[in-house]
Amino acid sequence: MVSIDLYKNLPTSDELPDSDDTPVDNEDQNFLPNYLLFLLAIIWKDRNDWYFGVDMGIYHTSGDNPRVPSNS
């Protein structure tokens, strides 16, 4: 049987970009996610199988470089 180390080639947390250290540009960038969270909390009040995150990097294993949200 072949043993594969799945974590051997994964980057460390230090190698993954996590911020561009740019402050929030305007009030809408705070208001809109909070408004959406408010609406989802009402619509899905009886569900506990969802998660809402803001300002998060999304990493994948397709071989491309990691993608991080930007303020541009």
C-alpha atoms as a PDB file:
ATOM      1  CA  MET A   1       0.000   0.000   0.000  1.00  0.00           C
ATOM      2  CA  VAL A   2       1.293   3.460  -0.918  1.00  0.00           C
ATOM      3  CA  SER A   3       1.347   6.137   1.757  1.00  0.00           C
ATOM      4  CA  ILE A   4       0.903   9.749   0.633  1.00  0.00           C
ATOM      5  CA  ASP A   5       1.705  12.770   2.782  1.00  0.00           C
ATOM      6  CA  LEU A   6      -1.068  15.193   1.777  1.00  0.00           C
ATOM      7  CA  TYR A   7       0.403  18.058   3.801  1.00  0.00           C
ATOM      8  CA  LYS A   8       3.941  17.817   2.394  1.00  0.00           C
ATOM      9  CA  ASN A   9       3.520  20.453  -0.350  1.00  0.00           C
ATOM     10  CA  LEU A  10       1.042  22.785   1.321  1.00  0.00           C
ATOM     11  CA  PRO A  11       2.336  26.291   2.080  1.00  0.00           C
ATOM     12  CA  THR A  12       2.662  27.459   5.648  1.00  0.00           C
ATOM     13  CA  SER A  13       0.467  30.254   7.004  1.00  0.00           C
ATOM     14  CA  ASP A  14       3.471  32.599   6.661  1.00  0.00           C
ATOM     15  CA  GLU A  15       3.641  31.868   2.918  1.00  0.00           C
ATOM     16  CA  LEU A  16      -0.047  32.637   2.281  1.00  0.00           C
ATOM     17  CA  PRO A  17      -0.983  36.304   1.789  1.00  0.00           C
ATOM     18  CA  ASP A  18      -3.591  37.453   4.281  1.00  0.00           C
ATOM     19  CA  SER A  19      -3.812  41.230   4.068  1.00  0.00           C
ATOM     20  CA  ASP A  20      -2.726  44.229   2.050  1.00  0.00           C
ATOM     21  CA  ASP A  21      -2.828  46.399   5.213  1.00  0.00           C
ATOM     22  CA  THR A  22      -5.118  48.891   3.466  1.00  0.00           C
ATOM     23  CA  PRO A  23      -7.851  50.377   5.663  1.00  0.00           C
ATOM     24  CA  VAL A  24     -11.495  50.171   4.605  1.00  0.00           C
ATOM     25  CA  ASP A  25     -12.101  52.683   1.837  1.00  0.00           C
ATOM     26  CA  ASN A  26     -15.645  53.737   2.639  1.00  0.00           C
ATOM     27  CA  GLU A  27     -18.581  53.123   4.935  1.00  0.00           C
ATOM     28  CA  ASP A  28     -20.379  50.923   2.383  1.00  0.00           C
ATOM     29  CA  GLN A  29     -17.677  48.299   2.752  1.00  0.00           C
ATOM     30  CA  ASN A  30     -18.799  47.899   6.367  1.00  0.00           C
ATOM     31  CA  PHE A  31     -22.517  48.520   5.886  1.00  0.00           C
ATOM     32  CA  LEU A  32     -23.231  46.068   3.036  1.00  0.00           C
ATOM     33  CA  PRO A  33     -21.783  42.912   4.630  1.00  0.00           C
ATOM     34  CA  ASN A  34     -23.501  43.747   7.920  1.00  0.00           C
ATOM     35  CA  TYR A  35     -26.803  44.301   6.115  1.00  0.00           C
ATOM     36  CA  LEU A  36     -26.444  40.995   4.275  1.00  0.00           C
ATOM     37  CA  LEU A  37     -25.645  39.197   7.526  1.00  0.00           C
ATOM     38  CA  PHE A  38     -28.734  40.763   9.130  1.00  0.00           C
ATOM     39  CA  LEU A  39     -30.937  39.561   6.243  1.00  0.00           C
ATOM     40  CA  LEU A  40     -29.472  36.052   6.209  1.00  0.00           C
ATOM     41  CA  ALA A  41     -29.901  35.771   9.971  1.00  0.00           C
ATOM     42  CA  ILE A  42     -33.614  36.533   9.542  1.00  0.00           C
ATOM     43  CA  ILE A  43     -34.139  34.332   6.475  1.00  0.00           C
ATOM     44  CA  TRP A  44     -32.196  31.384   7.887  1.00  0.00           C
ATOM     45  CA  LYS A  45     -33.085  31.829  11.560  1.00  0.00           C
ATOM     46  CA  ASP A  46     -34.073  28.155  11.879  1.00  0.00           C
ATOM     47  CA  ARG A  47     -30.907  26.856  10.199  1.00  0.00           C
ATOM     48  CA  ASN A  48     -27.516  26.271  11.751  1.00  0.00           C
ATOM     49  CA  ASP A  49     -25.653  24.992   8.690  1.00  0.00           C
ATOM     50  CA  TRP A  50     -24.332  28.260   7.279  1.00  0.00           C
ATOM     51  CA  TYR A  51     -21.372  30.555   7.863  1.00  0.00           C
ATOM     52  CA  PHE A  52     -20.877  34.173   6.855  1.00  0.00           C
ATOM     53  CA  GLY A  53     -17.373  35.618   6.620  1.00  0.00           C
ATOM     54  CA  VAL A  54     -16.028  38.999   5.522  1.00  0.00           C
ATOM     55  CA  ASP A  55     -12.531  40.090   4.468  1.00  0.00           C
ATOM     56  CA  MET A  56     -11.297  36.541   4.133  1.00  0.00           C
ATOM     57  CA  GLY A  57      -8.762  35.136   1.726  1.00  0.00           C
ATOM     58  CA  ILE A  58      -9.909  32.074  -0.172  1.00  0.00           C
ATOM     59  CA  TYR A  59      -7.288  29.441  -0.838  1.00  0.00           C
ATOM     60  CA  HIS A  60      -7.639  26.490  -3.133  1.00  0.00           C
ATOM     61  CA  THR A  61      -5.546  23.592  -4.332  1.00  0.00           C
ATOM     62  CA  SER A  62      -6.003  23.820  -8.100  1.00  0.00           C
ATOM     63  CA  GLY A  63      -2.335  24.696  -8.643  1.00  0.00           C
ATOM     64  CA  ASP A  64      -2.847  28.413  -9.241  1.00  0.00           C
ATOM     65  CA  ASN A  65      -1.548  31.117  -6.956  1.00  0.00           C
ATOM     66  CA  PRO A  66      -3.729  31.930  -3.926  1.00  0.00           C
ATOM     67  CA  ARG A  67      -6.314  34.660  -4.489  1.00  0.00           C
ATOM     68  CA  VAL A  68      -6.790  37.419  -1.943  1.00  0.00           C
ATOM     69  CA  PRO A  69      -9.517  40.089  -2.142  1.00  0.00           C
ATOM     70  CA  SER A  70      -8.152  43.525  -3.027  1.00  0.00           C
ATOM     71  CA  ASN A  71      -9.459  47.060  -2.614  1.00  0.00           C
ATOM     72  CA  SER A  72      -8.761  48.005  -6.245  1.00  0.00           C
END
